[in-house]
Structures are given as C-alpha cells and as structure tokens.
Protein backbone atom coordinates (compact mmCIF):
# COMPACT_ATOMS: atom_id res chain seq x y z
CA MET A 1 39.35 80.15 -27.21
CA LEU A 2 37.26 79.42 -30.28
CA ALA A 3 38.92 76.01 -30.59
CA TRP A 4 37.97 75.17 -27.02
CA ILE A 5 34.33 76.20 -27.62
CA ALA A 6 34.20 74.08 -30.80
CA LEU A 7 35.59 71.06 -28.94
CA ALA A 8 33.06 71.44 -26.13
CA THR A 9 30.21 71.81 -28.59
CA ALA A 10 31.24 68.62 -30.42
CA ALA A 11 31.42 66.66 -27.17
CA LEU A 12 27.96 67.88 -26.18
CA CYS A 13 26.53 66.77 -29.52
CA VAL A 14 28.02 63.29 -29.12
CA PHE A 15 26.54 63.02 -25.60
CA VAL A 16 23.05 64.05 -26.80
CA VAL A 17 23.13 61.55 -29.68
CA MET A 18 24.16 58.70 -27.37
CA ARG A 19 21.38 59.50 -24.85
CA TYR A 20 18.80 59.60 -27.64
CA SER A 21 19.95 56.27 -29.09
CA ARG A 22 19.84 54.56 -25.70
CA ALA A 23 16.36 55.93 -24.94
CA HIS A 24 14.95 54.67 -28.24
CA ARG A 25 16.72 51.31 -28.40
CA ILE A 26 14.39 48.44 -29.51
CA PRO A 27 14.02 45.81 -26.74
CA ALA A 28 15.46 42.40 -27.48
CA LYS A 29 12.02 40.71 -27.33
CA ALA A 30 10.63 43.21 -29.86
CA ARG A 31 13.37 42.84 -32.43
CA LYS A 32 12.23 41.31 -35.65
CA SER A 33 13.58 37.83 -36.26
CA PRO A 34 14.89 36.95 -39.67
CA ASP A 35 12.50 35.15 -42.02
CA LEU A 36 13.30 31.42 -41.75
CA SER A 37 10.17 30.17 -43.52
CA SER A 38 12.20 28.66 -46.30
CA ALA A 39 14.73 27.04 -43.97
CA THR A 40 14.63 23.37 -42.98
CA THR A 41 13.51 23.07 -39.34
CA THR A 42 13.56 20.26 -36.83
CA PRO A 43 10.26 19.34 -35.10
CA PRO A 44 10.15 20.59 -31.50
CA GLU A 45 9.89 17.08 -30.07
CA GLU A 46 13.21 16.19 -31.68
CA LEU A 47 14.86 19.22 -30.15
CA SER A 48 13.91 18.39 -26.60
CA SER A 49 16.40 16.39 -24.58
CA PRO A 50 15.32 12.93 -23.41
CA SER A 51 13.78 12.67 -19.94
CA PRO A 52 16.23 11.49 -17.31
CA THR A 53 15.87 7.89 -16.21
CA LEU A 54 13.87 7.69 -13.00
CA PRO A 55 15.63 6.04 -10.08
CA PRO A 56 14.28 2.71 -8.89
CA PRO A 57 11.62 3.03 -6.19
CA ALA A 58 12.65 2.92 -2.58
CA GLN A 59 11.64 -0.43 -1.11
CA PRO A 60 11.97 -0.16 2.67
CA TYR A 61 11.16 -3.78 3.55
CA ASP A 62 13.01 -7.04 3.06
CA TYR A 63 10.01 -9.31 3.66
CA PHE A 64 6.23 -9.10 3.41
CA CYS A 65 3.89 -11.30 5.46
CA VAL A 66 0.64 -11.56 3.51
CA LEU A 67 -2.33 -12.50 5.69
CA ASP A 68 -6.03 -13.03 5.05
CA VAL A 69 -7.90 -14.60 7.97
CA GLU A 70 -11.32 -16.22 7.92
CA GLY A 71 -13.69 -15.84 10.84
CA THR A 72 -16.95 -17.10 12.27
CA CYS A 73 -19.99 -15.32 10.89
CA GLU A 74 -23.75 -15.36 10.87
CA GLU A 75 -25.94 -14.33 7.98
CA GLY A 76 -27.17 -10.77 8.34
CA GLN A 77 -24.54 -9.74 10.90
CA GLY A 78 -22.13 -6.92 10.16
CA LEU A 79 -18.57 -6.07 11.13
CA ASN A 80 -19.58 -5.21 14.70
CA TRP A 81 -20.31 -8.86 15.44
CA PRO A 82 -17.83 -10.80 17.69
CA ASN A 83 -16.14 -12.84 14.96
CA GLU A 84 -13.56 -15.45 15.95
CA ILE A 85 -10.66 -16.36 13.68
CA ILE A 86 -10.98 -19.88 12.25
CA GLU A 87 -8.19 -19.84 9.62
CA TRP A 88 -4.75 -18.22 9.84
CA PRO A 89 -2.87 -18.39 6.51
CA VAL A 90 0.35 -16.52 5.75
CA VAL A 91 2.43 -16.25 2.57
CA LEU A 92 5.93 -14.86 3.13
CA LEU A 93 7.36 -12.86 0.22
CA GLY A 94 10.98 -11.79 -0.23
CA TRP A 95 13.16 -10.24 -2.92
CA ARG A 96 14.75 -12.55 -5.46
CA ASP A 97 17.68 -10.11 -5.62
CA SER A 98 18.18 -8.12 -2.43
CA GLU A 99 20.09 -5.43 -4.32
CA LYS A 100 17.78 -4.85 -7.29
CA ARG A 101 14.55 -5.31 -5.28
CA ASP A 102 12.38 -5.52 -8.38
CA GLU A 103 10.95 -9.05 -8.09
CA LEU A 104 9.18 -10.64 -5.14
CA VAL A 105 8.98 -14.41 -4.77
CA VAL A 106 7.29 -16.75 -2.30
CA VAL A 107 9.74 -17.68 0.44
CA ASP A 108 7.44 -19.86 2.54
CA GLU A 109 3.83 -20.45 3.60
CA TRP A 110 2.14 -21.21 6.91
CA ARG A 111 -1.45 -22.18 7.61
CA SER A 112 -3.57 -23.38 10.50
CA TYR A 113 -7.26 -23.72 11.19
CA VAL A 114 -8.32 -22.28 14.55
CA GLN A 115 -10.91 -23.66 16.93
CA PRO A 116 -13.45 -21.03 18.09
CA VAL A 117 -14.37 -20.91 21.78
CA TYR A 118 -17.17 -18.36 22.11
CA ARG A 119 -19.45 -19.97 19.54
CA ALA A 120 -17.77 -23.26 18.87
CA LYS A 121 -20.32 -24.50 16.33
CA LEU A 122 -19.98 -23.01 12.86
CA THR A 123 -23.11 -21.79 11.13
CA GLU A 124 -24.16 -23.26 7.81
CA PHE A 125 -23.71 -19.80 6.33
CA CYS A 126 -20.09 -19.68 7.55
CA THR A 127 -19.23 -23.09 6.10
CA LYS A 128 -20.78 -22.23 2.72
CA LEU A 129 -18.91 -18.93 2.61
CA THR A 130 -15.46 -20.11 3.70
CA GLY A 131 -15.50 -23.81 2.87
CA ILE A 132 -14.32 -24.51 6.44
CA THR A 133 -16.11 -27.42 8.09
CA GLN A 134 -16.80 -28.21 11.72
CA ALA A 135 -14.31 -31.08 11.51
CA ASP A 136 -11.61 -28.66 10.31
CA VAL A 137 -11.87 -26.50 13.42
CA ASP A 138 -12.67 -29.21 15.95
CA GLY A 139 -9.25 -30.75 15.39
CA ALA A 140 -7.42 -27.40 15.38
CA PRO A 141 -5.73 -25.49 18.21
CA THR A 142 -7.47 -22.52 19.76
CA PHE A 143 -6.11 -19.06 18.99
CA THR A 144 -3.49 -18.74 21.74
CA PRO A 145 -1.71 -22.08 21.08
CA MET A 146 -1.95 -21.41 17.35
CA LEU A 147 -0.11 -18.10 17.78
CA LYS A 148 2.64 -19.86 19.73
CA GLN A 149 3.12 -22.25 16.83
CA PHE A 150 3.08 -19.39 14.35
CA THR A 151 5.77 -17.43 16.18
CA LYS A 152 8.12 -20.36 15.57
CA PHE A 153 7.58 -19.82 11.85
CA LEU A 154 8.42 -16.12 12.18
CA ARG A 155 11.52 -16.84 14.25
CA LYS A 156 12.67 -19.42 11.73
CA HIS A 157 12.82 -16.67 9.12
CA GLY A 158 14.46 -14.15 11.44
CA LEU A 159 11.37 -11.96 11.79
CA LEU A 160 11.03 -12.29 15.58
CA ASP A 161 13.59 -12.63 18.34
CA THR A 162 13.30 -15.08 21.23
CA ASN A 163 11.08 -12.58 23.08
CA ASN A 164 8.70 -12.34 20.10
CA ARG A 165 9.82 -8.82 19.23
CA LYS A 166 10.02 -7.84 15.57
CA THR A 167 13.48 -7.97 14.07
CA GLY A 168 14.63 -6.94 10.62
CA ARG A 169 12.63 -4.98 8.09
CA TRP A 170 9.28 -6.56 7.30
CA THR A 171 5.60 -5.70 7.33
CA TRP A 172 2.15 -7.23 7.15
CA CYS A 173 0.08 -7.06 3.96
CA THR A 174 -3.71 -7.43 4.04
CA ASP A 175 -6.62 -6.83 1.68
CA GLY A 176 -8.21 -3.91 3.52
CA PRO A 177 -7.88 -2.96 7.19
CA TYR A 178 -10.09 -5.62 8.76
CA ASP A 179 -7.84 -8.67 9.23
CA ILE A 180 -5.39 -7.23 11.77
CA ARG A 181 -7.13 -4.06 12.90
CA ASP A 182 -10.48 -5.76 13.62
CA PHE A 183 -10.37 -9.58 13.56
CA VAL A 184 -7.15 -9.89 15.55
CA ALA A 185 -8.31 -7.26 18.06
CA LYS A 186 -11.62 -9.08 18.58
CA GLN A 187 -9.95 -12.46 18.90
CA CYS A 188 -7.40 -11.24 21.43
CA PHE A 189 -10.20 -9.87 23.58
CA ILE A 190 -12.25 -13.07 23.33
CA SER A 191 -9.15 -15.16 24.11
CA ALA A 192 -8.29 -12.76 26.98
CA ILE A 193 -4.73 -12.16 25.78
CA PRO A 194 -2.87 -8.92 25.00
CA HIS A 195 -2.65 -7.86 21.38
CA PRO A 196 0.83 -9.13 20.34
CA PRO A 197 3.17 -6.20 19.59
CA TYR A 198 4.29 -7.80 16.32
CA LEU A 199 0.65 -7.54 15.17
CA LEU A 200 0.54 -3.80 15.80
CA GLY A 201 2.01 -0.77 14.07
CA ASP A 202 2.18 0.14 10.41
CA ILE A 203 0.98 -2.32 7.77
CA LEU A 204 0.36 -2.32 4.02
CA ASP A 205 -3.30 -2.24 3.03
CA VAL A 206 -2.95 -3.79 -0.42
CA ARG A 207 -6.42 -2.83 -1.62
CA THR A 208 -5.70 0.83 -0.93
CA ALA A 209 -2.28 0.54 -2.59
CA VAL A 210 -3.87 -0.93 -5.72
CA ASN A 211 -6.57 1.73 -5.84
CA ASP A 212 -3.99 4.50 -5.43
CA TYR A 213 -1.83 3.03 -8.18
CA LEU A 214 -4.78 2.73 -10.59
CA ASN A 215 -5.98 6.25 -9.77
CA GLU A 216 -2.54 7.60 -10.58
CA ALA A 217 -2.30 5.59 -13.79
CA ASN A 218 -5.64 7.04 -14.91
CA THR A 219 -4.58 10.62 -14.29
CA GLY A 220 -1.14 10.52 -15.88
CA SER A 221 0.64 10.78 -12.58
CA THR A 222 4.32 11.31 -12.06
CA ARG A 223 6.78 9.77 -9.67
CA SER A 224 8.39 11.95 -7.09
CA GLY A 225 10.83 11.61 -4.24
CA LYS A 226 12.48 8.24 -3.88
CA GLY A 227 10.40 6.41 -6.43
CA ARG A 228 7.05 7.30 -4.90
CA ARG A 229 4.11 8.11 -7.15
CA SER A 230 2.02 11.23 -6.76
CA ALA A 231 -1.76 11.03 -7.07
CA ASN A 232 -4.11 13.51 -8.70
CA THR A 233 -7.82 14.06 -8.15
CA PHE A 234 -9.46 11.08 -9.87
CA ARG A 235 -10.63 8.46 -7.38
CA ARG A 236 -11.48 4.85 -8.19
CA THR A 237 -13.88 2.92 -5.99
CA SER A 238 -12.46 0.16 -3.79
CA LEU A 239 -11.90 -3.06 -5.74
CA LYS A 240 -12.38 -6.59 -4.46
CA LEU A 241 -9.70 -9.21 -5.07
CA PRO A 242 -10.92 -10.54 -8.45
CA ASN A 243 -11.31 -6.98 -9.75
CA GLN A 244 -7.83 -6.00 -8.54
CA LEU A 245 -6.34 -8.94 -10.42
CA GLN A 246 -8.25 -7.99 -13.56
CA ALA A 247 -7.31 -4.32 -13.32
CA LEU A 248 -3.62 -5.25 -13.09
CA GLY A 249 -3.84 -7.58 -16.08
CA LEU A 250 -3.18 -10.70 -14.02
CA ALA A 251 -4.74 -14.13 -14.49
CA PRO A 252 -8.13 -14.59 -12.78
CA PHE A 253 -8.48 -15.52 -9.13
CA GLU A 254 -6.81 -18.86 -8.44
CA GLY A 255 -8.61 -21.20 -6.06
CA ARG A 256 -11.74 -20.69 -4.00
CA GLN A 257 -12.79 -17.20 -2.92
CA HIS A 258 -13.07 -16.79 0.88
CA SER A 259 -10.70 -19.68 1.43
CA GLY A 260 -8.10 -17.99 3.60
CA ILE A 261 -5.08 -19.61 2.00
CA ASP A 262 -6.36 -19.00 -1.54
CA ASP A 263 -7.20 -15.38 -0.78
CA THR A 264 -3.74 -14.92 0.73
CA ARG A 265 -1.97 -16.41 -2.29
CA ASN A 266 -3.86 -14.12 -4.65
CA ILE A 267 -3.07 -11.07 -2.52
CA ALA A 268 0.59 -12.12 -2.68
CA ARG A 269 0.33 -12.17 -6.49
CA ILE A 270 -0.94 -8.59 -6.39
CA VAL A 271 1.84 -7.41 -4.06
CA ALA A 272 4.43 -8.98 -6.37
CA GLU A 273 2.86 -7.30 -9.39
CA LEU A 274 2.92 -3.88 -7.73
CA ALA A 275 6.61 -4.40 -6.99
CA ARG A 276 7.24 -5.42 -10.60
CA ARG A 277 5.58 -2.20 -11.77
CA GLY A 278 7.89 -0.12 -9.62
CA VAL A 279 5.45 0.83 -6.87
CA SER A 280 7.07 1.59 -3.53
CA LEU A 281 5.51 -0.83 -1.06
CA LEU A 282 5.10 1.65 1.76
CA CYS A 283 2.79 1.14 4.72
CA ASN A 284 -0.48 3.06 4.53
CA LEU A 285 -2.38 1.88 7.62
CA SER A 286 -1.55 2.05 11.31
CA VAL A 287 -2.94 -0.50 13.80
CA ARG A 288 -3.11 0.64 17.40
CA PRO A 289 -4.05 -1.32 20.53
CA GLY A 290 -7.24 -0.79 22.49
CA ARG A 291 -9.83 -1.03 19.72
CA ARG A 292 -13.21 -1.89 21.26
CA TRP A 293 -16.76 -2.82 20.33
CA GLN A 294 -19.97 -2.37 22.28
CA TRP A 295 -20.26 -6.06 23.12
CA MET A 296 -16.92 -6.08 24.95
CA GLY A 297 -17.18 -6.22 28.73
CA ARG A 298 -14.77 -4.56 31.11
CA THR A 299 -12.88 -7.80 31.66
CA PRO A 300 -11.10 -9.41 28.66
CA GLY A 301 -13.03 -12.48 27.55
CA THR A 302 -16.38 -11.14 28.82
CA ILE A 303 -18.94 -10.74 26.04
CA LEU A 304 -22.12 -8.77 26.71
CA GLU A 305 -24.79 -10.87 25.04
CA GLU A 306 -27.36 -8.08 25.03
CA TYR A 307 -25.19 -6.22 22.53
CA VAL A 308 -24.32 -9.21 20.35
CA HIS A 309 -27.81 -9.60 18.92
CA SER A 310 -27.89 -5.94 17.91
CA ALA A 311 -24.40 -5.98 16.39
CA THR A 312 -25.38 -5.40 12.78
C-alpha cells in the first residue's frame, strides 16, 4: 500500500513540474540570440535573391497606322470651328521580328493633300501654319475620293478586306484625340458620308501614352500583369511633339512642325521608342460615331452659318 502511495505521489510531482515548465516557457521571439558581433556578416543586399526577370510586354497589335492630319483654320477660331482636312499622311509601322516584338520599323507611307469644299480658299494663317498652299489643295482630290484611294493602301497591306472592314490586328496612333475623333467626324459630316467603320473604335493616343510612361518613370513605378506598367500619383502636364521627343532622349523634331507628313513621321519615332522601352502599346482612347457640333444641321453636309462665326 505504501509503495502504491509513493508511486502516485512521484507521478503527481512530475505532472506539476511539467505544467509549471510549460506555463513559464520563454517564447521563441523573446529568446536571446547569441552574440555575433565579432562574427563576419554578409550585407543584407547580398543576401537577397535577385529579382526575377520580367516577361516581355504584351504587344497586342501587328501593325500601327500613325496619322496626323492638317485642316483648314482661321486665326482666332477654336476646336469648335468646322475644319476640313487638307492633308492625310500615314506612316505604317510593323515589327521587325514578329516573335520578339521589341523593335518597330517603317513598313510603308501614304500621303495625299485634300481639296476642301466648304471653304475652298485657304486663309493666309492656314498656309503659314501648315505650309500647305492653295495650289497643293486645288490639284488634290476631295475627301471622299481620297479615302477610296487610301483604302487601296490599307488593303495592299492586309488591313482591310474587299468590303473595307478591318482585318488582322492593327490600330491607329495619333498625337492626342483630335485627328480621328474630331477632324474625321467633322469632315465626314461636311462631305455627307458615314464615318467609315475602320476609323472608329479603340485607338492609341500617343501623347497620353508618353505622359503616362513619364509619370510612371518619375514615381518609380513597377510593371504588372502582362508587361503593363502601373502608374502612381504624380502627373505630368501634356507634352507637345518636340517636348515628347526631348523627354524620351530622342533627336529633335525632324522636318517642319505642322506639316502633316513630318508630324506623322515624328510621332512614329515616338511610338517606336516606346516599344523599344518595353511599353505595351495598348489603346487608350475610344472613338464613337455621332459626334456633333453646334454648327451641324440636321442633314449631313448642312452647315449652320449663324453658329460658325461664334465657334470659338
């Protein structure tokens, strides 16, 4: 009997000691680390593993049609005025290597002057600004025949089918929203023709793309998703063509500013540089049909003169 009591007492003592030790155990985070002050250590930056290589950016388009139109204008008139297109220049860009998609090159160019019909005589202000003379437009086709000629260019490169519907993967590139969203919409109304479907939809506003890229570069942005860059809060003001070229470290503007073909070629240089820097050339502007101005009458081609003079 006494032996059994002694055995039970010993077991109880062991149980109490174990419970006490567990209750007063020092947490792992509070345990004192050994003194390594005299040991040779490796700087933290050498301990970190190298960042994984970022995948190449997703480039959704095979071709880029760069366009910068010139239009009729009068000194003192704003964007609400009924401008007519008088120069239609296009630079077609494509990938040097369709697999790598890291270098854009000029595939072809197309250019035509366009004869205005609403106000056929160019103002002195317009000629000084654009370098386009009255003789240039007098011998040119009007807008509708010009477009018919231009569609042959697009079909030659497989960008339109025989019904003038877009084929393949390509997009328009413009410096700002005005060329296709505004000038083409105005001209189609003045010429009393529907807005061609291949001149609608999503396009790449290059000026916005450049500003976004520079904003991100100034805020230490990262790339996310399929090569896209994420922007932070810093915003840069909109840059004109010469300033975009300078900001990207490119050679100064080549040619004459406000010459449609020269503007277009310089925009193409910027698009190619963005591609070289790994920027995904994604559309950032949508052009929809039906855009109207106050001077537009109910019938296509009808211009309400009483609103033209106040279109500032």
